[in-house]
Amino acid sequence: MIREHDEHEHTFPSEGGELQPDARISCPYCGADVEIFLDTGGDIVQHYVEDCEVCCRPWQVTVRWDAAGLAHVEARTEEE
């Protein structure tokens, strides 16, 4: 499953790297391996709800971008 809004203007990725546009994660409900598309124009830390394309249950998604442009994505159940 694990594959704050920064008020300062973000300058990531450093060194001219590119942002990762998508990620593969496991649904925290049904375990399906699902590809999600990431908002590369958003904040360094993002929180949103996304539904599993297999079981349709809602995930609480957190995306944290590192300085190299890699996304660290976590999907949790509503209960977690």
Protein backbone atom coordinates (compact mmCIF):
# COMPACT_ATOMS: atom_id res chain seq x y z
CA MET A 1 0.00 0.00 0.00
CA ILE A 2 2.87 2.31 0.56
CA ARG A 3 4.57 2.56 -2.73
CA GLU A 4 1.06 19.54 4.62
CA HIS A 5 0.87 21.75 2.29
CA ASP A 6 4.15 23.62 1.85
CA GLU A 7 3.35 27.31 1.79
CA HIS A 8 6.61 28.11 0.01
CA GLU A 9 6.78 27.90 -3.75
CA HIS A 10 8.11 24.45 -4.53
CA THR A 11 11.17 24.03 -6.69
CA PHE A 12 11.16 20.29 -7.13
CA PRO A 13 12.52 18.24 -8.67
CA SER A 14 16.00 19.57 -8.17
CA GLU A 15 18.70 19.24 -10.80
CA GLY A 16 16.20 19.38 -13.70
CA GLY A 17 14.70 15.93 -13.09
CA GLU A 18 11.19 14.99 -14.15
CA LEU A 19 8.18 14.26 -11.96
CA GLN A 20 6.78 10.75 -11.89
CA PRO A 21 3.30 10.97 -13.56
CA ASP A 22 1.83 7.71 -12.24
CA ALA A 23 2.20 5.03 -9.58
CA ARG A 24 1.16 1.42 -9.00
CA ILE A 25 -0.31 0.70 -5.60
CA SER A 26 -2.28 -2.07 -3.94
CA CYS A 27 -5.87 -1.40 -2.93
CA PRO A 28 -6.05 -1.47 0.88
CA TYR A 29 -9.45 -3.22 0.63
CA CYS A 30 -9.26 -5.85 -2.12
CA GLY A 31 -5.49 -6.00 -2.72
CA ALA A 32 -5.76 -5.33 -6.47
CA ASP A 33 -2.66 -3.85 -8.10
CA VAL A 34 -3.90 -0.54 -9.54
CA GLU A 35 -2.24 2.26 -11.51
CA ILE A 36 -3.17 5.80 -10.49
CA PHE A 37 -2.24 9.05 -12.19
CA LEU A 38 -0.60 11.70 -10.04
CA ASP A 39 -1.11 15.46 -10.07
CA THR A 40 2.34 16.69 -11.04
CA GLY A 41 1.18 20.30 -10.83
CA GLY A 42 -0.03 20.10 -7.23
CA ASP A 43 1.64 20.65 -3.90
CA ILE A 44 4.64 18.70 -2.61
CA VAL A 45 2.28 16.90 -0.20
CA GLN A 46 -1.20 16.03 -1.45
CA HIS A 47 -4.21 14.41 0.25
CA TYR A 48 -7.27 13.25 -1.67
CA VAL A 49 -9.84 10.46 -2.06
CA GLU A 50 -9.70 8.03 -4.98
CA ASP A 51 -11.90 4.99 -5.64
CA CYS A 52 -10.46 1.57 -6.48
CA GLU A 53 -11.15 0.73 -10.10
CA VAL A 54 -11.74 -2.92 -9.10
CA CYS A 55 -13.85 -2.86 -5.91
CA CYS A 56 -14.95 0.82 -6.07
CA ARG A 57 -14.20 1.47 -2.38
CA PRO A 58 -12.70 4.87 -1.49
CA TRP A 59 -9.08 5.26 -0.46
CA GLN A 60 -7.50 8.07 1.49
CA VAL A 61 -4.45 8.82 -0.68
CA THR A 62 -1.36 10.75 0.40
CA VAL A 63 1.33 11.67 -2.13
CA ARG A 64 4.68 13.11 -1.01
CA TRP A 65 7.13 14.24 -3.66
CA ASP A 66 10.86 14.08 -2.98
CA ALA A 67 13.52 16.43 -4.36
CA ALA A 68 14.27 14.02 -7.22
CA GLY A 69 10.66 14.11 -8.43
CA LEU A 70 9.73 10.64 -7.16
CA ALA A 71 6.31 10.22 -5.57
CA HIS A 72 5.84 8.31 -2.34
CA VAL A 73 2.20 7.19 -2.38
CA GLU A 74 0.15 5.73 0.46
CA ALA A 75 -3.44 4.48 0.18
CA ARG A 76 -5.44 3.82 3.36
CA THR A 77 -8.95 2.69 4.14
CA GLU A 78 -11.43 5.18 5.57
CA GLU A 79 -11.06 3.43 8.93
CA GLU A 80 -7.28 3.83 9.18
